[in-house]
Amino acid sequence: PTKTDFHSVAAENFYQKLQSLSNTIISLQYKPDKFLTFKVQEANFG
């Protein structure tokens, strides 16, 4: 075998996790003089 079952499962889990990450970018007027743009994956501690 070129990969062990463990490595196969680990790689599959990694790619599933990677695909589940949102690539959404949000832009909004946060304050009258401040525009905020961020990737959803940058948000935490909600």
All heavy atoms as atom14 arrays in JSON, in Angstrom:
{
  "sequence": "PTKTDFHSVAAENFYQKLQSLSNTIISLQYKPDKFLTFKVQEANFG",
  "atom14_mask": [
    [1, 1, 1, 1, 1, 1, 1, 0, 0, 0, 0, 0, 0, 0],
    [1, 1, 1, 1, 1, 1, 1, 0, 0, 0, 0, 0, 0, 0],
    [1, 1, 1, 1, 1, 1, 1, 1, 1, 0, 0, 0, 0, 0],
    [1, 1, 1, 1, 1, 1, 1, 0, 0, 0, 0, 0, 0, 0],
    [1, 1, 1, 1, 1, 1, 1, 1, 0, 0, 0, 0, 0, 0],
    [1, 1, 1, 1, 1, 1, 1, 1, 1, 1, 1, 0, 0, 0],
    [1, 1, 1, 1, 1, 1, 1, 1, 1, 1, 0, 0, 0, 0],
    [1, 1, 1, 1, 1, 1, 0, 0, 0, 0, 0, 0, 0, 0],
    [1, 1, 1, 1, 1, 1, 1, 0, 0, 0, 0, 0, 0, 0],
    [1, 1, 1, 1, 1, 0, 0, 0, 0, 0, 0, 0, 0, 0],
    [1, 1, 1, 1, 1, 0, 0, 0, 0, 0, 0, 0, 0, 0],
    [1, 1, 1, 1, 1, 1, 1, 1, 1, 0, 0, 0, 0, 0],
    [1, 1, 1, 1, 1, 1, 1, 1, 0, 0, 0, 0, 0, 0],
    [1, 1, 1, 1, 1, 1, 1, 1, 1, 1, 1, 0, 0, 0],
    [1, 1, 1, 1, 1, 1, 1, 1, 1, 1, 1, 1, 0, 0],
    [1, 1, 1, 1, 1, 1, 1, 1, 1, 0, 0, 0, 0, 0],
    [1, 1, 1, 1, 1, 1, 1, 1, 1, 0, 0, 0, 0, 0],
    [1, 1, 1, 1, 1, 1, 1, 1, 0, 0, 0, 0, 0, 0],
    [1, 1, 1, 1, 1, 1, 1, 1, 1, 0, 0, 0, 0, 0],
    [1, 1, 1, 1, 1, 1, 0, 0, 0, 0, 0, 0, 0, 0],
    [1, 1, 1, 1, 1, 1, 1, 1, 0, 0, 0, 0, 0, 0],
    [1, 1, 1, 1, 1, 1, 0, 0, 0, 0, 0, 0, 0, 0],
    [1, 1, 1, 1, 1, 1, 1, 1, 0, 0, 0, 0, 0, 0],
    [1, 1, 1, 1, 1, 1, 1, 0, 0, 0, 0, 0, 0, 0],
    [1, 1, 1, 1, 1, 1, 1, 1, 0, 0, 0, 0, 0, 0],
    [1, 1, 1, 1, 1, 1, 1, 1, 0, 0, 0, 0, 0, 0],
    [1, 1, 1, 1, 1, 1, 0, 0, 0, 0, 0, 0, 0, 0],
    [1, 1, 1, 1, 1, 1, 1, 1, 0, 0, 0, 0, 0, 0],
    [1, 1, 1, 1, 1, 1, 1, 1, 1, 0, 0, 0, 0, 0],
    [1, 1, 1, 1, 1, 1, 1, 1, 1, 1, 1, 1, 0, 0],
    [1, 1, 1, 1, 1, 1, 1, 1, 1, 0, 0, 0, 0, 0],
    [1, 1, 1, 1, 1, 1, 1, 0, 0, 0, 0, 0, 0, 0],
    [1, 1, 1, 1, 1, 1, 1, 1, 0, 0, 0, 0, 0, 0],
    [1, 1, 1, 1, 1, 1, 1, 1, 1, 0, 0, 0, 0, 0],
    [1, 1, 1, 1, 1, 1, 1, 1, 1, 1, 1, 0, 0, 0],
    [1, 1, 1, 1, 1, 1, 1, 1, 0, 0, 0, 0, 0, 0],
    [1, 1, 1, 1, 1, 1, 1, 0, 0, 0, 0, 0, 0, 0],
    [1, 1, 1, 1, 1, 1, 1, 1, 1, 1, 1, 0, 0, 0],
    [1, 1, 1, 1, 1, 1, 1, 1, 1, 0, 0, 0, 0, 0],
    [1, 1, 1, 1, 1, 1, 1, 0, 0, 0, 0, 0, 0, 0],
    [1, 1, 1, 1, 1, 1, 1, 1, 1, 0, 0, 0, 0, 0],
    [1, 1, 1, 1, 1, 1, 1, 1, 1, 0, 0, 0, 0, 0],
    [1, 1, 1, 1, 1, 0, 0, 0, 0, 0, 0, 0, 0, 0],
    [1, 1, 1, 1, 1, 1, 1, 1, 0, 0, 0, 0, 0, 0],
    [1, 1, 1, 1, 1, 1, 1, 1, 1, 1, 1, 0, 0, 0],
    [1, 1, 1, 1, 0, 0, 0, 0, 0, 0, 0, 0, 0, 0]
  ],
  "atom14_positions": [
    [[0.84, -1.21, 0.0], [0.0, 0.0, 0.0], [0.87, 1.25, 0.0], [1.93, 1.29, 0.62], [-0.8, -0.11, 1.29], [-0.04, -1.05, 2.16], [0.75, -1.95, 1.24], [0.0, 0.0, 0.0], [0.0, 0.0, 0.0], [0.0, 0.0, 0.0], [0.0, 0.0, 0.0], [0.0, 0.0, 0.0], [0.0, 0.0, 0.0], [0.0, 0.0, 0.0]],
    [[0.41, 2.26, -0.72], [1.15, 3.51, -0.75], [0.81, 4.39, 0.44], [1.57, 5.25, 0.82], [0.87, 4.28, -2.05], [-0.53, 4.49, -2.16], [1.39, 3.52, -3.26], [0.0, 0.0, 0.0], [0.0, 0.0, 0.0], [0.0, 0.0, 0.0], [0.0, 0.0, 0.0], [0.0, 0.0, 0.0], [0.0, 0.0, 0.0], [0.0, 0.0, 0.0]],
    [[-0.38, 4.2, 1.0], [-0.8, 4.96, 2.18], [-1.37, 3.97, 3.19], [-1.99, 2.99, 2.82], [-1.93, 5.94, 1.85], [-1.62, 7.02, 0.89], [-2.84, 7.93, 0.83], [-2.99, 8.58, -0.5], [-4.19, 9.35, -0.63], [0.0, 0.0, 0.0], [0.0, 0.0, 0.0], [0.0, 0.0, 0.0], [0.0, 0.0, 0.0], [0.0, 0.0, 0.0]],
    [[-1.17, 4.25, 4.43], [-1.81, 3.43, 5.46], [-3.26, 3.86, 5.58], [-3.64, 4.95, 5.15], [-1.12, 3.59, 6.82], [-1.31, 4.92, 7.27], [0.35, 3.23, 6.76], [0.0, 0.0, 0.0], [0.0, 0.0, 0.0], [0.0, 0.0, 0.0], [0.0, 0.0, 0.0], [0.0, 0.0, 0.0], [0.0, 0.0, 0.0], [0.0, 0.0, 0.0]],
    [[-4.07, 2.99, 6.15], [-5.47, 3.34, 6.35], [-5.59, 4.6, 7.2], [-6.43, 5.46, 6.96], [-6.23, 2.2, 7.02], [-6.48, 1.04, 6.06], [-6.43, 1.28, 4.83], [-6.71, -0.08, 6.54], [0.0, 0.0, 0.0], [0.0, 0.0, 0.0], [0.0, 0.0, 0.0], [0.0, 0.0, 0.0], [0.0, 0.0, 0.0], [0.0, 0.0, 0.0]],
    [[-4.71, 4.72, 8.19], [-4.75, 5.9, 9.06], [-4.53, 7.17, 8.26], [-5.27, 8.14, 8.39], [-3.71, 5.8, 10.17], [-3.59, 7.07, 10.97], [-4.54, 7.4, 11.92], [-2.53, 7.94, 10.76], [-4.44, 8.57, 12.64], [-2.43, 9.12, 11.47], [-3.38, 9.44, 12.42], [0.0, 0.0, 0.0], [0.0, 0.0, 0.0], [0.0, 0.0, 0.0]],
    [[-3.5, 7.17, 7.42], [-3.21, 8.37, 6.62], [-4.34, 8.67, 5.66], [-4.67, 9.82, 5.41], [-1.89, 8.2, 5.86], [-0.7, 8.3, 6.76], [0.05, 7.21, 7.08], [-0.16, 9.35, 7.41], [1.02, 7.58, 7.91], [0.92, 8.87, 8.13], [0.0, 0.0, 0.0], [0.0, 0.0, 0.0], [0.0, 0.0, 0.0], [0.0, 0.0, 0.0]],
    [[-4.96, 7.64, 5.13], [-6.08, 7.81, 4.21], [-7.25, 8.49, 4.91], [-7.84, 9.43, 4.4], [-6.51, 6.44, 3.7], [-6.69, 6.45, 2.34], [0.0, 0.0, 0.0], [0.0, 0.0, 0.0], [0.0, 0.0, 0.0], [0.0, 0.0, 0.0], [0.0, 0.0, 0.0], [0.0, 0.0, 0.0], [0.0, 0.0, 0.0], [0.0, 0.0, 0.0]],
    [[-7.58, 8.0, 6.1], [-8.69, 8.57, 6.87], [-8.35, 9.99, 7.3], [-9.17, 10.9, 7.21], [-9.03, 7.68, 8.08], [-10.0, 8.37, 9.02], [-9.59, 6.34, 7.62], [0.0, 0.0, 0.0], [0.0, 0.0, 0.0], [0.0, 0.0, 0.0], [0.0, 0.0, 0.0], [0.0, 0.0, 0.0], [0.0, 0.0, 0.0], [0.0, 0.0, 0.0]],
    [[-7.12, 10.21, 7.76], [-6.71, 11.54, 8.2], [-6.78, 12.54, 7.04], [-7.26, 13.66, 7.21], [-5.31, 11.5, 8.78], [0.0, 0.0, 0.0], [0.0, 0.0, 0.0], [0.0, 0.0, 0.0], [0.0, 0.0, 0.0], [0.0, 0.0, 0.0], [0.0, 0.0, 0.0], [0.0, 0.0, 0.0], [0.0, 0.0, 0.0], [0.0, 0.0, 0.0]],
    [[-6.32, 12.12, 5.88], [-6.36, 13.01, 4.71], [-7.79, 13.32, 4.31], [-8.13, 14.46, 4.0], [-5.6, 12.39, 3.54], [0.0, 0.0, 0.0], [0.0, 0.0, 0.0], [0.0, 0.0, 0.0], [0.0, 0.0, 0.0], [0.0, 0.0, 0.0], [0.0, 0.0, 0.0], [0.0, 0.0, 0.0], [0.0, 0.0, 0.0], [0.0, 0.0, 0.0]],
    [[-8.64, 12.29, 4.34], [-10.05, 12.5, 3.99], [-10.71, 13.46, 4.97], [-11.44, 14.37, 4.57], [-10.78, 11.16, 3.97], [-12.21, 11.27, 3.5], [-12.89, 9.91, 3.42], [-12.22, 8.93, 3.06], [-14.09, 9.87, 3.73], [0.0, 0.0, 0.0], [0.0, 0.0, 0.0], [0.0, 0.0, 0.0], [0.0, 0.0, 0.0], [0.0, 0.0, 0.0]],
    [[-10.46, 13.27, 6.26], [-11.03, 14.18, 7.28], [-10.53, 15.61, 7.08], [-11.29, 16.56, 7.21], [-10.67, 13.71, 8.68], [-11.42, 12.45, 9.07], [-12.42, 12.1, 8.45], [-10.92, 11.76, 10.08], [0.0, 0.0, 0.0], [0.0, 0.0, 0.0], [0.0, 0.0, 0.0], [0.0, 0.0, 0.0], [0.0, 0.0, 0.0], [0.0, 0.0, 0.0]],
    [[-9.24, 15.75, 6.76], [-8.67, 17.07, 6.53], [-9.36, 17.77, 5.36], [-9.76, 18.92, 5.45], [-7.17, 16.95, 6.26], [-6.53, 18.24, 5.82], [-6.26, 19.24, 6.75], [-6.22, 18.47, 4.5], [-5.69, 20.44, 6.36], [-5.65, 19.66, 4.09], [-5.38, 20.65, 5.02], [0.0, 0.0, 0.0], [0.0, 0.0, 0.0], [0.0, 0.0, 0.0]],
    [[-9.52, 17.06, 4.25], [-10.13, 17.67, 3.07], [-11.62, 17.96, 3.28], [-12.13, 18.96, 2.79], [-9.9, 16.82, 1.83], [-8.48, 16.92, 1.35], [-7.62, 15.84, 1.43], [-7.98, 18.12, 0.86], [-6.29, 15.95, 1.01], [-6.66, 18.24, 0.46], [-5.83, 17.15, 0.54], [-4.53, 17.28, 0.15], [0.0, 0.0, 0.0], [0.0, 0.0, 0.0]],
    [[-12.31, 17.12, 4.05], [-13.71, 17.4, 4.37], [-13.8, 18.66, 5.22], [-14.66, 19.5, 5.0], [-14.35, 16.23, 5.1], [-14.69, 15.07, 4.19], [-15.28, 13.9, 4.94], [-15.24, 13.84, 6.17], [-15.81, 12.95, 4.2], [0.0, 0.0, 0.0], [0.0, 0.0, 0.0], [0.0, 0.0, 0.0], [0.0, 0.0, 0.0], [0.0, 0.0, 0.0]],
    [[-12.91, 18.79, 6.19], [-12.89, 19.99, 7.05], [-12.57, 21.23, 6.22], [-13.2, 22.27, 6.37], [-11.87, 19.8, 8.17], [-11.76, 20.96, 9.12], [-12.98, 21.09, 9.98], [-12.77, 22.16, 11.02], [-13.97, 22.46, 11.76], [0.0, 0.0, 0.0], [0.0, 0.0, 0.0], [0.0, 0.0, 0.0], [0.0, 0.0, 0.0], [0.0, 0.0, 0.0]],
    [[-11.62, 21.1, 5.32], [-11.22, 22.2, 4.47], [-12.38, 22.65, 3.58], [-12.63, 23.85, 3.42], [-10.02, 21.79, 3.61], [-9.33, 22.88, 2.81], [-8.78, 23.95, 3.73], [-8.19, 22.27, 1.99], [0.0, 0.0, 0.0], [0.0, 0.0, 0.0], [0.0, 0.0, 0.0], [0.0, 0.0, 0.0], [0.0, 0.0, 0.0], [0.0, 0.0, 0.0]],
    [[-13.13, 21.7, 3.04], [-14.26, 22.03, 2.18], [-15.41, 22.64, 2.96], [-16.19, 23.4, 2.42], [-14.74, 20.79, 1.43], [-13.79, 20.33, 0.36], [-14.2, 19.03, -0.28], [-15.01, 18.29, 0.27], [-13.64, 18.73, -1.44], [0.0, 0.0, 0.0], [0.0, 0.0, 0.0], [0.0, 0.0, 0.0], [0.0, 0.0, 0.0], [0.0, 0.0, 0.0]],
    [[-15.52, 22.32, 4.25], [-16.62, 22.85, 5.05], [-16.37, 24.28, 5.52], [-17.29, 24.95, 5.98], [-16.89, 21.95, 6.25], [-15.87, 22.07, 7.2], [0.0, 0.0, 0.0], [0.0, 0.0, 0.0], [0.0, 0.0, 0.0], [0.0, 0.0, 0.0], [0.0, 0.0, 0.0], [0.0, 0.0, 0.0], [0.0, 0.0, 0.0], [0.0, 0.0, 0.0]],
    [[-15.12, 24.75, 5.39], [-14.83, 26.13, 5.78], [-15.51, 27.08, 4.82], [-15.45, 26.9, 3.6], [-13.32, 26.4, 5.78], [-12.5, 25.74, 6.87], [-11.02, 26.02, 6.65], [-12.93, 26.19, 8.24], [0.0, 0.0, 0.0], [0.0, 0.0, 0.0], [0.0, 0.0, 0.0], [0.0, 0.0, 0.0], [0.0, 0.0, 0.0], [0.0, 0.0, 0.0]],
    [[-16.12, 28.08, 5.36], [-16.79, 29.06, 4.52], [-15.76, 29.97, 3.87], [-14.82, 30.42, 4.5], [-17.75, 29.89, 5.38], [-18.3, 30.93, 4.62], [0.0, 0.0, 0.0], [0.0, 0.0, 0.0], [0.0, 0.0, 0.0], [0.0, 0.0, 0.0], [0.0, 0.0, 0.0], [0.0, 0.0, 0.0], [0.0, 0.0, 0.0], [0.0, 0.0, 0.0]],
    [[-15.96, 30.24, 2.6], [-15.1, 31.21, 1.92], [-15.86, 32.51, 1.69], [-15.46, 33.34, 0.88], [-14.56, 30.63, 0.6], [-15.67, 30.28, -0.37], [-16.84, 30.42, -0.06], [-15.3, 29.82, -1.54], [0.0, 0.0, 0.0], [0.0, 0.0, 0.0], [0.0, 0.0, 0.0], [0.0, 0.0, 0.0], [0.0, 0.0, 0.0], [0.0, 0.0, 0.0]],
    [[-16.95, 32.69, 2.43], [-17.78, 33.88, 2.32], [-17.03, 35.1, 2.85], [-16.39, 35.05, 3.9], [-19.09, 33.7, 3.12], [-19.77, 32.56, 2.61], [-19.98, 34.92, 3.04], [0.0, 0.0, 0.0], [0.0, 0.0, 0.0], [0.0, 0.0, 0.0], [0.0, 0.0, 0.0], [0.0, 0.0, 0.0], [0.0, 0.0, 0.0], [0.0, 0.0, 0.0]],
    [[-17.13, 36.18, 2.11], [-16.56, 37.46, 2.53], [-17.73, 38.41, 2.78], [-18.61, 38.55, 1.93], [-15.61, 38.03, 1.46], [-14.42, 37.09, 1.27], [-15.16, 39.44, 1.84], [-13.5, 37.47, 0.14], [0.0, 0.0, 0.0], [0.0, 0.0, 0.0], [0.0, 0.0, 0.0], [0.0, 0.0, 0.0], [0.0, 0.0, 0.0], [0.0, 0.0, 0.0]],
    [[-17.73, 39.04, 3.94], [-18.79, 39.98, 4.31], [-18.21, 41.39, 4.32], [-17.15, 41.62, 4.89], [-19.38, 39.63, 5.7], [-20.03, 38.24, 5.65], [-20.37, 40.69, 6.15], [-20.56, 37.76, 6.98], [0.0, 0.0, 0.0], [0.0, 0.0, 0.0], [0.0, 0.0, 0.0], [0.0, 0.0, 0.0], [0.0, 0.0, 0.0], [0.0, 0.0, 0.0]],
    [[-18.92, 42.3, 3.7], [-18.56, 43.72, 3.71], [-19.78, 44.5, 4.19], [-20.88, 44.28, 3.7], [-18.19, 44.2, 2.31], [-17.02, 43.55, 1.87], [0.0, 0.0, 0.0], [0.0, 0.0, 0.0], [0.0, 0.0, 0.0], [0.0, 0.0, 0.0], [0.0, 0.0, 0.0], [0.0, 0.0, 0.0], [0.0, 0.0, 0.0], [0.0, 0.0, 0.0]],
    [[-19.55, 45.39, 5.14], [-20.66, 46.2, 5.63], [-20.16, 47.53, 6.18], [-18.99, 47.69, 6.51], [-21.47, 45.44, 6.69], [-20.75, 44.85, 7.9], [-20.62, 45.86, 9.01], [-21.5, 43.64, 8.39], [0.0, 0.0, 0.0], [0.0, 0.0, 0.0], [0.0, 0.0, 0.0], [0.0, 0.0, 0.0], [0.0, 0.0, 0.0], [0.0, 0.0, 0.0]],
    [[-21.08, 48.46, 6.26], [-20.79, 49.77, 6.85], [-20.91, 49.6, 8.35], [-22.01, 49.49, 8.89], [-21.8, 50.81, 6.34], [-21.49, 52.23, 6.73], [-20.37, 52.81, 5.87], [-20.31, 52.55, 4.69], [-19.52, 53.58, 6.48], [0.0, 0.0, 0.0], [0.0, 0.0, 0.0], [0.0, 0.0, 0.0], [0.0, 0.0, 0.0], [0.0, 0.0, 0.0]],
    [[-19.77, 49.55, 9.05], [-19.8, 49.29, 10.49], [-20.12, 50.56, 11.28], [-20.9, 50.53, 12.22], [-18.47, 48.69, 10.96], [-18.5, 48.26, 12.4], [-19.29, 47.19, 12.8], [-17.76, 48.92, 13.36], [-19.34, 46.8, 14.12], [-17.79, 48.53, 14.69], [-18.58, 47.47, 15.07], [-18.63, 47.08, 16.39], [0.0, 0.0, 0.0], [0.0, 0.0, 0.0]],
    [[-19.5, 51.64, 10.91], [-19.76, 52.96, 11.49], [-19.87, 53.94, 10.33], [-19.46, 53.62, 9.22], [-18.61, 53.4, 12.42], [-18.49, 52.56, 13.67], [-17.37, 53.09, 14.55], [-17.3, 52.27, 15.83], [-16.22, 52.71, 16.7], [0.0, 0.0, 0.0], [0.0, 0.0, 0.0], [0.0, 0.0, 0.0], [0.0, 0.0, 0.0], [0.0, 0.0, 0.0]],
    [[-20.38, 55.12, 10.56], [-20.5, 56.06, 9.44], [-19.19, 56.29, 8.69], [-19.2, 56.48, 7.49], [-20.98, 57.35, 10.12], [-21.69, 56.89, 11.35], [-20.95, 55.67, 11.8], [0.0, 0.0, 0.0], [0.0, 0.0, 0.0], [0.0, 0.0, 0.0], [0.0, 0.0, 0.0], [0.0, 0.0, 0.0], [0.0, 0.0, 0.0], [0.0, 0.0, 0.0]],
    [[-18.07, 56.2, 9.4], [-16.78, 56.44, 8.76], [-15.91, 55.18, 8.67], [-14.72, 55.27, 8.41], [-16.02, 57.54, 9.5], [-15.76, 57.17, 10.96], [-16.42, 56.26, 11.49], [-14.87, 57.8, 11.56], [0.0, 0.0, 0.0], [0.0, 0.0, 0.0], [0.0, 0.0, 0.0], [0.0, 0.0, 0.0], [0.0, 0.0, 0.0], [0.0, 0.0, 0.0]],
    [[-16.53, 53.99, 8.9], [-15.75, 52.75, 8.89], [-16.48, 51.64, 8.14], [-17.59, 51.25, 8.51], [-15.45, 52.29, 10.31], [-14.54, 51.07, 10.36], [-14.12, 50.74, 11.76], [-13.13, 49.59, 11.73], [-12.65, 49.27, 13.06], [0.0, 0.0, 0.0], [0.0, 0.0, 0.0], [0.0, 0.0, 0.0], [0.0, 0.0, 0.0], [0.0, 0.0, 0.0]],
    [[-15.82, 51.16, 7.1], [-16.32, 50.04, 6.31], [-15.55, 48.81, 6.76], [-14.32, 48.85, 6.88], [-16.09, 50.35, 4.83], [-16.91, 49.53, 3.9], [-18.28, 49.75, 3.77], [-16.33, 48.53, 3.14], [-19.05, 49.0, 2.9], [-17.09, 47.77, 2.26], [-18.45, 48.01, 2.14], [0.0, 0.0, 0.0], [0.0, 0.0, 0.0], [0.0, 0.0, 0.0]],
    [[-16.23, 47.7, 7.02], [-15.59, 46.48, 7.51], [-15.76, 45.35, 6.5], [-16.88, 45.08, 6.07], [-16.21, 46.06, 8.85], [-15.72, 44.77, 9.48], [-14.23, 44.85, 9.82], [-16.52, 44.46, 10.74], [0.0, 0.0, 0.0], [0.0, 0.0, 0.0], [0.0, 0.0, 0.0], [0.0, 0.0, 0.0], [0.0, 0.0, 0.0], [0.0, 0.0, 0.0]],
    [[-14.67, 44.75, 6.11], [-14.68, 43.58, 5.22], [-13.87, 42.48, 5.88], [-12.75, 42.72, 6.33], [-14.07, 43.94, 3.85], [-14.84, 44.99, 3.26], [-14.06, 42.75, 2.91], [0.0, 0.0, 0.0], [0.0, 0.0, 0.0], [0.0, 0.0, 0.0], [0.0, 0.0, 0.0], [0.0, 0.0, 0.0], [0.0, 0.0, 0.0], [0.0, 0.0, 0.0]],
    [[-14.46, 41.26, 5.94], [-13.75, 40.15, 6.56], [-14.24, 38.83, 5.99], [-15.35, 38.73, 5.46], [-13.95, 40.16, 8.08], [-15.39, 39.98, 8.52], [-15.87, 38.72, 8.89], [-16.25, 41.06, 8.59], [-17.18, 38.56, 9.29], [-17.57, 40.91, 8.99], [-18.04, 39.65, 9.35], [0.0, 0.0, 0.0], [0.0, 0.0, 0.0], [0.0, 0.0, 0.0]],
    [[-13.37, 37.82, 6.08], [-13.76, 36.46, 5.72], [-14.46, 35.86, 6.92], [-14.0, 36.02, 8.05], [-12.53, 35.62, 5.37], [-11.84, 36.04, 4.1], [-10.64, 35.15, 3.85], [-9.91, 35.6, 2.61], [-8.7, 34.78, 2.37], [0.0, 0.0, 0.0], [0.0, 0.0, 0.0], [0.0, 0.0, 0.0], [0.0, 0.0, 0.0], [0.0, 0.0, 0.0]],
    [[-15.54, 35.14, 6.68], [-16.31, 34.54, 7.78], [-15.42, 33.67, 8.65], [-15.54, 33.68, 9.87], [-17.51, 33.74, 7.23], [-18.13, 32.87, 8.28], [-18.55, 34.7, 6.65], [0.0, 0.0, 0.0], [0.0, 0.0, 0.0], [0.0, 0.0, 0.0], [0.0, 0.0, 0.0], [0.0, 0.0, 0.0], [0.0, 0.0, 0.0], [0.0, 0.0, 0.0]],
    [[-14.47, 32.96, 8.04], [-13.6, 32.08, 8.84], [-12.68, 32.84, 9.77], [-12.06, 32.24, 10.66], [-12.81, 31.14, 7.93], [-11.88, 31.82, 6.98], [-11.33, 30.88, 5.92], [-11.87, 29.82, 5.69], [-10.26, 31.28, 5.27], [0.0, 0.0, 0.0], [0.0, 0.0, 0.0], [0.0, 0.0, 0.0], [0.0, 0.0, 0.0], [0.0, 0.0, 0.0]],
    [[-12.59, 34.17, 9.64], [-11.78, 34.98, 10.56], [-12.53, 35.29, 11.86], [-11.93, 35.74, 12.83], [-11.39, 36.31, 9.91], [-10.46, 36.18, 8.74], [-10.13, 37.53, 8.13], [-11.02, 38.13, 7.5], [-8.98, 37.97, 8.3], [0.0, 0.0, 0.0], [0.0, 0.0, 0.0], [0.0, 0.0, 0.0], [0.0, 0.0, 0.0], [0.0, 0.0, 0.0]],
    [[-13.84, 35.09, 11.87], [-14.67, 35.42, 13.04], [-14.62, 34.29, 14.06], [-14.68, 33.12, 13.71], [-16.1, 35.68, 12.6], [0.0, 0.0, 0.0], [0.0, 0.0, 0.0], [0.0, 0.0, 0.0], [0.0, 0.0, 0.0], [0.0, 0.0, 0.0], [0.0, 0.0, 0.0], [0.0, 0.0, 0.0], [0.0, 0.0, 0.0], [0.0, 0.0, 0.0]],
    [[-14.51, 34.66, 15.34], [-14.54, 33.67, 16.41], [-15.03, 34.29, 17.7], [-15.28, 35.48, 17.76], [-13.17, 32.98, 16.59], [-12.04, 33.97, 16.77], [-12.23, 35.02, 17.38], [-10.88, 33.66, 16.24], [0.0, 0.0, 0.0], [0.0, 0.0, 0.0], [0.0, 0.0, 0.0], [0.0, 0.0, 0.0], [0.0, 0.0, 0.0], [0.0, 0.0, 0.0]],
    [[-15.16, 33.47, 18.73], [-15.62, 33.91, 20.06], [-16.96, 34.65, 19.97], [-17.12, 35.75, 20.5], [-14.57, 34.78, 20.77], [-13.24, 34.11, 20.92], [-12.12, 34.61, 20.27], [-13.1, 32.97, 21.69], [-10.89, 33.99, 20.39], [-11.87, 32.34, 21.81], [-10.76, 32.86, 21.17], [0.0, 0.0, 0.0], [0.0, 0.0, 0.0], [0.0, 0.0, 0.0]],
    [[-17.92, 34.05, 19.31], [-19.23, 34.67, 19.12], [-20.14, 34.52, 20.32], [-20.11, 33.52, 21.03], [0.0, 0.0, 0.0], [0.0, 0.0, 0.0], [0.0, 0.0, 0.0], [0.0, 0.0, 0.0], [0.0, 0.0, 0.0], [0.0, 0.0, 0.0], [0.0, 0.0, 0.0], [0.0, 0.0, 0.0], [0.0, 0.0, 0.0], [0.0, 0.0, 0.0]]
  ]
}
